[in-house]
N, C-alpha and C. Protein backbone atom coordinates (compact mmCIF):
# COMPACT_ATOMS: atom_id res chain seq x y z
N MET A 1 -6.90 3.31 -8.86
CA MET A 1 -6.17 4.53 -9.32
C MET A 1 -6.18 4.48 -10.88
N THR A 2 -6.44 5.62 -11.43
CA THR A 2 -6.53 5.60 -12.80
C THR A 2 -5.45 6.49 -13.45
N CYS A 3 -4.68 7.24 -12.60
CA CYS A 3 -3.62 8.05 -13.22
C CYS A 3 -2.60 8.43 -12.14
N ALA A 4 -1.48 9.01 -12.54
CA ALA A 4 -0.47 9.36 -11.66
C ALA A 4 -0.85 10.43 -10.61
N SER A 5 -1.83 11.16 -11.03
CA SER A 5 -2.43 12.23 -10.13
C SER A 5 -3.17 11.58 -8.93
N CYS A 6 -3.82 10.41 -9.24
CA CYS A 6 -4.45 9.67 -8.18
C CYS A 6 -3.41 9.13 -7.18
N ALA A 7 -2.35 8.63 -7.63
CA ALA A 7 -1.29 8.11 -6.80
C ALA A 7 -0.72 9.29 -5.95
N ALA A 8 -0.57 10.36 -6.53
CA ALA A 8 0.03 11.52 -5.80
C ALA A 8 -0.89 11.94 -4.70
N ARG A 9 -2.31 11.93 -5.03
CA ARG A 9 -3.24 12.26 -4.04
C ARG A 9 -3.30 11.32 -2.86
N ILE A 10 -3.24 10.08 -3.10
CA ILE A 10 -3.17 9.06 -2.08
C ILE A 10 -1.94 9.24 -1.22
N GLU A 11 -0.85 9.45 -1.91
CA GLU A 11 0.40 9.66 -1.14
C GLU A 11 0.33 10.81 -0.18
N LYS A 12 -0.23 11.96 -0.72
CA LYS A 12 -0.35 13.21 0.07
C LYS A 12 -1.21 12.91 1.26
N LYS A 13 -2.33 12.22 1.07
CA LYS A 13 -3.30 11.99 2.25
C LYS A 13 -2.59 11.09 3.27
N LEU A 14 -1.89 10.13 2.87
CA LEU A 14 -1.22 9.19 3.74
C LEU A 14 -0.11 9.97 4.53
N ASN A 15 0.62 10.85 3.80
CA ASN A 15 1.78 11.58 4.48
C ASN A 15 1.24 12.67 5.38
N LYS A 16 -0.03 13.03 5.36
CA LYS A 16 -0.54 14.00 6.29
C LYS A 16 -0.84 13.32 7.61
N VAL A 17 -0.85 12.06 7.71
CA VAL A 17 -1.09 11.35 9.03
C VAL A 17 0.28 11.43 9.81
N ASP A 18 0.14 11.87 11.11
CA ASP A 18 1.37 12.00 11.94
C ASP A 18 2.13 10.78 11.98
N GLY A 19 3.39 10.87 11.69
CA GLY A 19 4.39 9.74 11.75
C GLY A 19 4.44 8.85 10.51
N VAL A 20 3.61 9.05 9.55
CA VAL A 20 3.50 8.25 8.38
C VAL A 20 4.42 8.75 7.24
N GLN A 21 5.16 7.91 6.61
CA GLN A 21 5.96 8.18 5.39
C GLN A 21 5.40 7.15 4.35
N ALA A 22 4.82 7.74 3.25
CA ALA A 22 4.32 6.85 2.29
C ALA A 22 4.88 7.24 0.94
N SER A 23 5.05 6.20 0.10
CA SER A 23 5.44 6.36 -1.38
C SER A 23 4.51 5.48 -2.15
N VAL A 24 3.70 6.07 -3.07
CA VAL A 24 2.73 5.35 -3.90
C VAL A 24 3.28 5.19 -5.32
N ASN A 25 3.30 3.96 -5.83
CA ASN A 25 3.71 3.78 -7.18
C ASN A 25 2.52 3.47 -8.09
N TYR A 26 2.25 4.43 -8.96
CA TYR A 26 1.07 4.19 -9.95
C TYR A 26 1.24 2.97 -10.82
N ALA A 27 2.44 2.68 -11.27
CA ALA A 27 2.62 1.59 -12.19
C ALA A 27 2.33 0.21 -11.56
N THR A 28 2.65 0.13 -10.40
CA THR A 28 2.46 -1.21 -9.69
C THR A 28 1.19 -1.17 -8.91
N GLU A 29 0.59 0.08 -8.67
CA GLU A 29 -0.59 0.17 -7.74
C GLU A 29 -0.35 -0.28 -6.38
N ARG A 30 0.87 -0.01 -5.86
CA ARG A 30 1.24 -0.35 -4.53
C ARG A 30 1.80 0.86 -3.77
N ALA A 31 1.73 0.76 -2.48
CA ALA A 31 2.25 1.80 -1.67
C ALA A 31 3.18 1.17 -0.66
N HIS A 32 4.32 1.93 -0.42
CA HIS A 32 5.23 1.50 0.58
C HIS A 32 4.99 2.45 1.70
N VAL A 33 4.56 2.01 2.88
CA VAL A 33 4.20 2.91 4.05
C VAL A 33 4.91 2.47 5.27
N THR A 34 5.50 3.45 5.88
CA THR A 34 6.14 3.34 7.18
C THR A 34 5.32 4.13 8.18
N ALA A 35 4.79 3.48 9.22
CA ALA A 35 3.88 4.07 10.16
C ALA A 35 4.20 3.67 11.54
N PRO A 36 3.93 4.55 12.55
CA PRO A 36 4.08 4.17 13.94
C PRO A 36 3.24 2.95 14.36
N SER A 37 3.65 2.25 15.35
CA SER A 37 2.97 1.06 15.76
C SER A 37 1.60 1.30 16.27
N THR A 38 1.25 2.59 16.55
CA THR A 38 0.00 2.93 17.10
C THR A 38 -1.06 2.95 16.04
N LEU A 39 -0.66 2.91 14.72
CA LEU A 39 -1.59 2.79 13.58
C LEU A 39 -1.65 1.30 13.08
N THR A 40 -2.81 0.95 12.74
CA THR A 40 -2.95 -0.39 12.11
C THR A 40 -3.07 -0.29 10.64
N ILE A 41 -3.02 -1.34 9.99
CA ILE A 41 -3.22 -1.41 8.53
C ILE A 41 -4.66 -0.95 8.26
N ASP A 42 -5.54 -1.32 9.05
CA ASP A 42 -6.98 -0.84 8.79
C ASP A 42 -7.11 0.67 8.88
N ASP A 43 -6.35 1.30 9.85
CA ASP A 43 -6.23 2.77 9.94
C ASP A 43 -5.84 3.32 8.58
N LEU A 44 -4.76 2.76 8.08
CA LEU A 44 -4.21 3.32 6.86
C LEU A 44 -5.11 3.17 5.62
N ILE A 45 -5.75 1.94 5.62
CA ILE A 45 -6.75 1.68 4.50
C ILE A 45 -7.89 2.66 4.62
N ALA A 46 -8.28 3.06 5.82
CA ALA A 46 -9.36 3.97 6.03
C ALA A 46 -8.98 5.34 5.44
N VAL A 47 -7.76 5.70 5.62
CA VAL A 47 -7.32 6.99 5.04
C VAL A 47 -7.43 7.02 3.57
N VAL A 48 -6.95 5.91 2.92
CA VAL A 48 -7.11 5.81 1.45
C VAL A 48 -8.53 5.75 1.02
N ARG A 49 -9.47 5.08 1.65
CA ARG A 49 -10.82 4.99 1.36
C ARG A 49 -11.48 6.35 1.53
N LYS A 50 -11.17 7.09 2.51
CA LYS A 50 -11.71 8.40 2.81
C LYS A 50 -11.34 9.37 1.64
N ALA A 51 -10.22 9.08 1.03
CA ALA A 51 -9.79 9.88 -0.17
C ALA A 51 -10.49 9.47 -1.40
N GLY A 52 -11.27 8.46 -1.37
CA GLY A 52 -12.15 8.03 -2.44
C GLY A 52 -11.57 6.89 -3.30
N TYR A 53 -10.69 6.15 -2.74
CA TYR A 53 -9.99 5.05 -3.50
C TYR A 53 -10.25 3.74 -2.66
N ASP A 54 -9.88 2.60 -3.23
CA ASP A 54 -9.96 1.37 -2.48
C ASP A 54 -8.58 0.91 -2.12
N ALA A 55 -8.33 0.14 -1.09
CA ALA A 55 -7.08 -0.34 -0.72
C ALA A 55 -7.33 -1.69 0.00
N SER A 56 -6.26 -2.52 0.03
CA SER A 56 -6.31 -3.80 0.82
C SER A 56 -4.87 -4.03 1.22
N GLU A 57 -4.82 -4.92 2.19
CA GLU A 57 -3.56 -5.40 2.66
C GLU A 57 -2.88 -6.26 1.59
N PRO A 58 -1.55 -6.06 1.33
CA PRO A 58 -1.01 -6.94 0.32
C PRO A 58 -0.90 -8.36 0.75
N VAL A 59 -1.08 -9.23 -0.29
CA VAL A 59 -0.98 -10.65 -0.04
C VAL A 59 0.52 -11.01 -0.39
N PRO A 60 1.15 -11.71 0.53
CA PRO A 60 2.60 -12.11 0.27
C PRO A 60 2.64 -12.97 -1.02
N ASP A 61 3.70 -12.81 -1.79
CA ASP A 61 3.96 -13.67 -2.93
C ASP A 61 4.16 -15.13 -2.43
N ALA A 62 3.66 -15.98 -3.23
CA ALA A 62 3.77 -17.44 -2.95
C ALA A 62 5.25 -17.78 -3.13
N PRO A 63 5.86 -18.65 -2.28
CA PRO A 63 7.22 -19.04 -2.44
C PRO A 63 7.39 -19.86 -3.70
N GLU A 64 8.58 -19.72 -4.36
CA GLU A 64 8.81 -20.49 -5.53
C GLU A 64 9.12 -21.96 -5.20
N VAL A 65 8.62 -22.93 -6.04
CA VAL A 65 8.86 -24.31 -5.80
C VAL A 65 9.78 -24.79 -6.87
N ASP A 66 10.87 -25.49 -6.51
CA ASP A 66 11.76 -25.94 -7.49
C ASP A 66 11.31 -27.52 -7.81
N HIS A 67 10.62 -27.49 -8.97
CA HIS A 67 10.04 -28.77 -9.28
C HIS A 67 11.09 -29.79 -9.86
N ALA A 68 12.17 -29.24 -10.36
CA ALA A 68 13.24 -30.13 -10.80
C ALA A 68 13.90 -31.01 -9.84
N HIS A 69 13.85 -30.61 -8.60
CA HIS A 69 14.55 -31.39 -7.54
C HIS A 69 13.60 -32.15 -6.62
N GLN A 70 12.35 -32.26 -7.03
CA GLN A 70 11.47 -33.13 -6.22
C GLN A 70 11.51 -34.56 -6.59
N GLY A 71 11.38 -35.44 -5.56
CA GLY A 71 11.47 -36.90 -5.72
C GLY A 71 10.49 -37.40 -6.61
């Protein structure tokens, strides 16, 4: 994504899929998507790629480690 219009286009394409509710944040380059269980993440990524953009499944943040309390 290179601009807010790109984010809006991706959001529009995702929201055209039956049962999908998507919100795309240009600043964070992330999308929050609610979809029926009949759709996979790969299905949703395919929608984004068909629109001309790339997408990937988010990687969970690593848990924080409290180094001060380790033995």
